Amino acid sequence: MVLPVLIPILVLSVTPLVYGIALAFTDAQSGRTEPTEWIGLLNFTDLRQDTLFWESFRTGLLWAAGVTVPQFLLSLGLALLLSGRLRFRWLARVLAIVPWAMPEVVVGIMWRLVYHPDAGILNETLGTDRDWLGSLGSALPAVILVGIWAGMPQTTVALLAGLQNVPGELHEAAAIDGAGAWRRFTTVTWPAIRPVALAIGALTFIWNLNSFALVYVLTNGGPGGRTRLPMLFAYEEAFRYGQFGYAAAMGCVLVAVVSVLLAVFLAGRLKGRDT
């Protein structure tokens, strides 16, 4: 019964992952005429001394945290608003998920037009001619803002689904007891949606850490590597410089980091259930 699901996963996910891990222990390069050789941990030894990669990793952590935290807080507020008795609530919910329906490439192109230094709507509104995506000081914050906007819908939908399962009787009872809006949120709403909130927060952080397409379209890692995320760095090593084995080693490091984050999250969930 599970074979129809397992076969695509094995073919499209597990097999490429295993092949990529094996590739990290070789000297595979593009245009190489000699047979690929097994070199053990040499790629990882070189990677340990690669300051540019670790700088991109630091940028990736800043990006992931800078997108995830504001995105979660704004999505939670939007979900609370959409779960209330709002006029034309159905229309507001549809508009809230519009960015989710747009491909990341389209989102990136659209925001490049917004940030355009000569004809962008942002500079036209502010009356400036700043190159938001080309400036060392503003490139990363500008890209983070786009990431927040693009990722809010899925976080909002997940939190909204959790809010729908909170019994209304609990809010009514708390209101009768004299609890204000904040008190009702901290004692009724948050405990009920906490498992969903923690799950979506952890997964969003991991998704953002693995981001590629949005930043690639917006800045291609520039200016001066200021927005070069780890996935962009690995992509350049593989497809610009042809260092497939070295790029695979970078991918292994990212897989290891994501695995640790998932293990910490799952351990926390299991501990929460036991208590």
Protein backbone atom coordinates (compact mmCIF):
# COMPACT_ATOMS: atom_id res chain seq x y z
CA MET A 1 0.00 0.00 0.00
CA VAL A 2 2.84 2.40 0.71
CA LEU A 3 4.91 1.52 -2.37
CA PRO A 4 3.30 4.17 -4.63
CA VAL A 5 4.47 6.79 -2.12
CA LEU A 6 7.84 5.28 -1.27
CA ILE A 7 9.03 4.75 -4.83
CA PRO A 8 8.97 8.46 -5.85
CA ILE A 9 10.63 9.38 -2.54
CA LEU A 10 13.38 6.82 -3.08
CA VAL A 11 13.94 7.81 -6.69
CA LEU A 12 13.67 11.60 -6.38
CA SER A 13 14.96 12.23 -2.85
CA VAL A 14 16.86 9.40 -1.19
CA THR A 15 18.89 8.29 -4.23
CA PRO A 16 20.15 11.82 -5.12
CA LEU A 17 20.95 12.42 -1.45
CA VAL A 18 23.05 9.25 -1.18
CA TYR A 19 24.76 10.00 -4.50
CA GLY A 20 25.54 13.55 -3.36
CA ILE A 21 27.05 12.31 -0.10
CA ALA A 22 29.21 9.81 -1.99
CA LEU A 23 30.26 12.56 -4.43
CA ALA A 24 31.60 14.62 -1.53
CA PHE A 25 34.38 12.06 -1.02
CA THR A 26 35.61 12.29 -4.62
CA ASP A 27 37.47 14.83 -6.78
CA ALA A 28 34.64 15.08 -9.32
CA GLN A 29 34.96 18.10 -11.62
CA SER A 30 33.31 19.25 -14.82
CA GLY A 31 35.28 18.73 -18.02
CA ARG A 32 37.55 16.20 -16.35
CA THR A 33 38.95 13.57 -18.71
CA GLU A 34 40.54 11.38 -16.02
CA PRO A 35 38.36 9.00 -13.99
CA THR A 36 36.94 10.39 -10.77
CA GLU A 37 38.96 9.25 -7.78
CA TRP A 38 38.07 8.65 -4.15
CA ILE A 39 39.91 11.23 -1.99
CA GLY A 40 38.35 10.59 1.41
CA LEU A 41 37.95 13.62 3.67
CA LEU A 42 40.11 15.98 1.60
CA ASN A 43 37.12 18.09 0.48
CA PHE A 44 35.97 18.48 4.08
CA THR A 45 39.51 19.39 5.17
CA ASP A 46 39.63 22.13 2.54
CA LEU A 47 36.13 23.24 3.48
CA ARG A 48 37.10 23.65 7.12
CA GLN A 49 39.66 26.26 6.05
CA ASP A 50 37.37 28.00 3.53
CA THR A 51 36.56 31.31 5.21
CA LEU A 52 34.27 32.36 2.37
CA PHE A 53 32.01 29.36 2.94
CA TRP A 54 31.78 29.96 6.68
CA GLU A 55 31.05 33.61 6.00
CA SER A 56 28.20 32.51 3.74
CA PHE A 57 27.06 30.17 6.49
CA ARG A 58 26.97 33.09 8.94
CA THR A 59 25.00 35.09 6.39
CA GLY A 60 22.62 32.16 6.02
CA LEU A 61 22.00 32.06 9.77
CA LEU A 62 21.38 35.83 9.83
CA TRP A 63 19.01 35.46 6.89
CA ALA A 64 17.14 32.52 8.42
CA ALA A 65 16.73 34.19 11.82
CA GLY A 66 15.98 37.61 10.31
CA VAL A 67 13.21 36.15 8.16
CA THR A 68 11.77 33.55 10.54
CA VAL A 69 11.27 35.64 13.71
CA PRO A 70 9.47 38.67 12.18
CA GLN A 71 7.61 36.39 9.79
CA PHE A 72 6.30 34.29 12.66
CA LEU A 73 5.22 37.28 14.76
CA LEU A 74 3.50 39.03 11.84
CA SER A 75 1.84 35.79 10.73
CA LEU A 76 0.57 35.15 14.23
CA GLY A 77 -0.97 38.61 14.37
CA LEU A 78 -2.51 38.16 10.92
CA ALA A 79 -3.86 34.73 11.86
CA LEU A 80 -5.46 36.15 15.01
CA LEU A 81 -7.02 38.90 12.93
CA LEU A 82 -8.35 36.51 10.30
CA SER A 83 -9.77 34.17 12.95
CA GLY A 84 -11.91 36.92 14.42
CA ARG A 85 -15.26 38.24 13.31
CA LEU A 86 -14.03 40.35 10.44
CA ARG A 87 -16.20 41.72 7.66
CA PHE A 88 -15.32 40.17 4.29
CA ARG A 89 -13.15 37.70 6.15
CA TRP A 90 -13.20 35.31 3.21
CA LEU A 91 -11.75 38.02 0.94
CA ALA A 92 -9.06 38.90 3.48
CA ARG A 93 -8.06 35.23 3.74
CA VAL A 94 -7.80 34.91 -0.03
CA LEU A 95 -5.65 38.05 -0.31
CA ALA A 96 -3.44 36.87 2.56
CA ILE A 97 -2.37 33.74 0.70
CA VAL A 98 -1.77 35.39 -2.69
CA PRO A 99 2.04 35.52 -2.23
CA TRP A 100 2.01 31.80 -1.48
CA ALA A 101 0.53 31.10 -4.93
CA MET A 102 3.32 33.00 -6.69
CA PRO A 103 6.52 31.15 -7.71
CA GLU A 104 9.67 32.40 -6.01
CA VAL A 105 11.14 33.46 -9.35
CA VAL A 106 8.13 35.67 -10.03
CA VAL A 107 8.33 37.12 -6.51
CA GLY A 108 12.02 37.87 -7.01
CA ILE A 109 11.45 39.61 -10.35
CA MET A 110 8.56 41.63 -8.93
CA TRP A 111 10.60 42.85 -5.96
CA ARG A 112 13.57 43.66 -8.18
CA LEU A 113 11.25 46.05 -9.96
CA VAL A 114 10.12 47.47 -6.61
CA TYR A 115 13.74 48.04 -5.55
CA HIS A 116 14.89 49.32 -8.96
CA PRO A 117 17.15 52.35 -8.36
CA ASP A 118 15.80 54.40 -11.27
CA ALA A 119 12.15 53.46 -11.75
CA GLY A 120 11.29 51.41 -8.66
CA ILE A 121 8.13 52.22 -6.77
CA LEU A 122 10.04 52.35 -3.47
CA ASN A 123 12.42 55.09 -4.60
CA GLU A 124 9.57 56.91 -6.33
CA THR A 125 7.63 56.90 -3.06
CA LEU A 126 10.58 57.94 -0.89
CA GLY A 127 11.96 60.41 -3.43
CA THR A 128 15.41 58.77 -3.47
CA ASP A 129 17.60 56.99 -6.01
CA ARG A 130 19.16 54.39 -3.71
CA ASP A 131 20.28 51.05 -5.10
CA TRP A 132 18.73 48.90 -2.39
CA LEU A 133 19.95 45.57 -3.74
CA GLY A 134 23.35 46.86 -4.83
CA SER A 135 24.38 48.56 -1.60
CA LEU A 136 26.44 46.69 1.00
CA GLY A 137 24.43 48.19 3.84
CA SER A 138 20.92 47.63 2.52
CA ALA A 139 21.13 44.47 0.37
CA LEU A 140 20.65 41.90 3.15
CA PRO A 141 17.85 43.80 4.97
CA ALA A 142 16.09 44.35 1.63
CA VAL A 143 16.27 40.65 0.79
CA ILE A 144 15.11 39.70 4.31
CA LEU A 145 12.06 41.93 3.85
CA VAL A 146 11.16 40.06 0.67
CA GLY A 147 11.63 36.73 2.44
CA ILE A 148 9.26 37.80 5.21
CA TRP A 149 6.61 38.88 2.71
CA ALA A 150 6.92 35.75 0.59
CA GLY A 151 6.80 33.31 3.51
CA MET A 152 4.06 34.86 5.61
CA PRO A 153 1.13 33.10 3.87
CA GLN A 154 2.15 29.52 4.66
CA THR A 155 2.94 30.42 8.28
CA THR A 156 -0.35 32.28 8.59
CA VAL A 157 -2.34 29.37 7.17
CA ALA A 158 -0.70 26.91 9.58
CA LEU A 159 -1.33 29.14 12.59
CA LEU A 160 -4.86 29.88 11.43
CA ALA A 161 -5.56 26.15 11.25
CA GLY A 162 -4.35 25.82 14.84
CA LEU A 163 -6.53 28.71 15.97
CA GLN A 164 -9.60 27.09 14.46
CA ASN A 165 -9.18 24.19 16.90
CA VAL A 166 -9.28 26.40 20.00
CA PRO A 167 -12.73 25.93 21.61
CA GLY A 168 -14.67 29.17 21.69
CA GLU A 169 -16.15 28.22 25.05
CA LEU A 170 -12.75 28.66 26.67
CA HIS A 171 -12.50 32.24 25.45
CA GLU A 172 -16.04 32.96 26.61
CA ALA A 173 -15.32 31.52 30.04
CA ALA A 174 -12.13 33.54 30.34
CA ALA A 175 -13.94 36.70 29.27
CA ILE A 176 -16.66 36.10 31.88
CA ASP A 177 -13.91 35.75 34.50
CA GLY A 178 -12.67 39.21 33.52
CA ALA A 179 -9.64 38.23 31.44
CA GLY A 180 -8.59 40.81 28.86
CA ALA A 181 -7.46 40.11 25.30
CA TRP A 182 -3.80 39.61 26.25
CA ARG A 183 -4.69 37.42 29.23
CA ARG A 184 -6.93 35.25 27.06
CA PHE A 185 -4.16 34.88 24.52
CA THR A 186 -1.51 33.83 27.06
CA THR A 187 -3.75 31.46 29.05
CA VAL A 188 -6.07 30.04 26.38
CA THR A 189 -4.89 30.65 22.83
CA TRP A 190 -1.14 30.18 23.09
CA PRO A 191 -1.19 26.92 25.08
CA ALA A 192 -3.62 25.48 22.52
CA ILE A 193 -1.60 26.43 19.44
CA ARG A 194 1.86 26.05 20.97
CA PRO A 195 2.64 22.66 19.33
CA VAL A 196 1.65 23.98 15.90
CA ALA A 197 3.52 27.24 16.46
CA LEU A 198 6.75 25.50 17.49
CA ALA A 199 6.52 23.10 14.55
CA ILE A 200 5.94 25.77 11.94
CA GLY A 201 8.62 27.99 13.51
CA ALA A 202 11.26 25.25 13.42
CA LEU A 203 10.37 24.14 9.89
CA THR A 204 10.31 27.72 8.62
CA PHE A 205 13.79 28.32 10.00
CA ILE A 206 15.06 25.19 8.24
CA TRP A 207 13.34 26.14 4.96
CA ASN A 208 14.84 29.62 5.11
CA LEU A 209 18.31 28.25 5.84
CA ASN A 210 18.01 26.18 2.65
CA SER A 211 16.73 29.08 0.55
CA PHE A 212 18.07 29.49 -2.96
CA ALA A 213 15.73 30.69 -5.71
CA LEU A 214 14.49 33.92 -4.14
CA VAL A 215 17.91 35.32 -3.24
CA TYR A 216 19.39 34.03 -6.49
CA VAL A 217 16.90 36.04 -8.53
CA LEU A 218 17.13 39.14 -6.33
CA THR A 219 20.89 39.56 -5.93
CA ASN A 220 22.68 36.38 -7.09
CA GLY A 221 24.58 36.59 -3.80
CA GLY A 222 25.83 40.15 -4.27
CA PRO A 223 26.94 42.75 -3.71
CA GLY A 224 30.36 41.50 -2.70
CA GLY A 225 28.92 38.27 -1.32
CA ARG A 226 26.82 40.15 1.23
CA THR A 227 23.73 38.02 0.44
CA ARG A 228 25.55 34.84 -0.61
CA LEU A 229 23.72 32.08 1.26
CA PRO A 230 25.31 28.61 1.69
CA MET A 231 23.14 27.10 -1.03
CA LEU A 232 24.20 29.85 -3.42
CA PHE A 233 27.84 29.24 -2.56
CA ALA A 234 27.50 25.51 -3.24
CA TYR A 235 25.67 26.23 -6.51
CA GLU A 236 28.46 28.50 -7.70
CA GLU A 237 31.15 25.98 -6.83
CA ALA A 238 29.30 23.24 -8.73
CA PHE A 239 27.93 24.98 -11.81
CA ARG A 240 30.16 28.03 -12.21
CA TYR A 241 33.52 26.56 -11.26
CA GLY A 242 32.74 22.89 -11.90
CA GLN A 243 33.90 21.64 -8.47
CA PHE A 244 31.20 19.01 -8.01
CA GLY A 245 32.94 17.08 -5.24
CA TYR A 246 33.71 20.22 -3.24
CA ALA A 247 30.15 21.52 -3.69
CA ALA A 248 28.79 18.15 -2.56
CA ALA A 249 30.86 18.46 0.62
CA MET A 250 29.16 21.81 1.27
CA GLY A 251 25.83 20.12 0.77
CA CYS A 252 26.77 17.46 3.30
CA VAL A 253 27.54 20.13 5.88
CA LEU A 254 24.13 21.71 5.29
CA VAL A 255 22.42 18.32 5.53
CA ALA A 256 24.20 17.68 8.83
CA VAL A 257 23.12 21.06 10.24
CA VAL A 258 19.52 20.54 9.16
CA SER A 259 19.56 17.02 10.63
CA VAL A 260 20.77 18.38 13.98
CA LEU A 261 18.05 21.04 13.98
CA LEU A 262 15.41 18.43 13.20
CA ALA A 263 16.75 16.13 15.91
CA VAL A 264 16.60 18.94 18.48
CA PHE A 265 13.05 19.77 17.42
CA LEU A 266 11.87 16.17 17.53
CA ALA A 267 13.56 15.60 20.89
CA GLY A 268 11.75 18.64 22.26
CA ARG A 269 8.43 17.40 20.92
CA LEU A 270 8.90 13.93 22.41
CA LYS A 271 9.96 15.38 25.75
CA GLY A 272 6.91 17.65 25.72
CA ARG A 273 4.64 14.67 25.13
CA ASP A 274 6.24 12.68 27.96
CA THR A 275 5.73 15.50 30.40
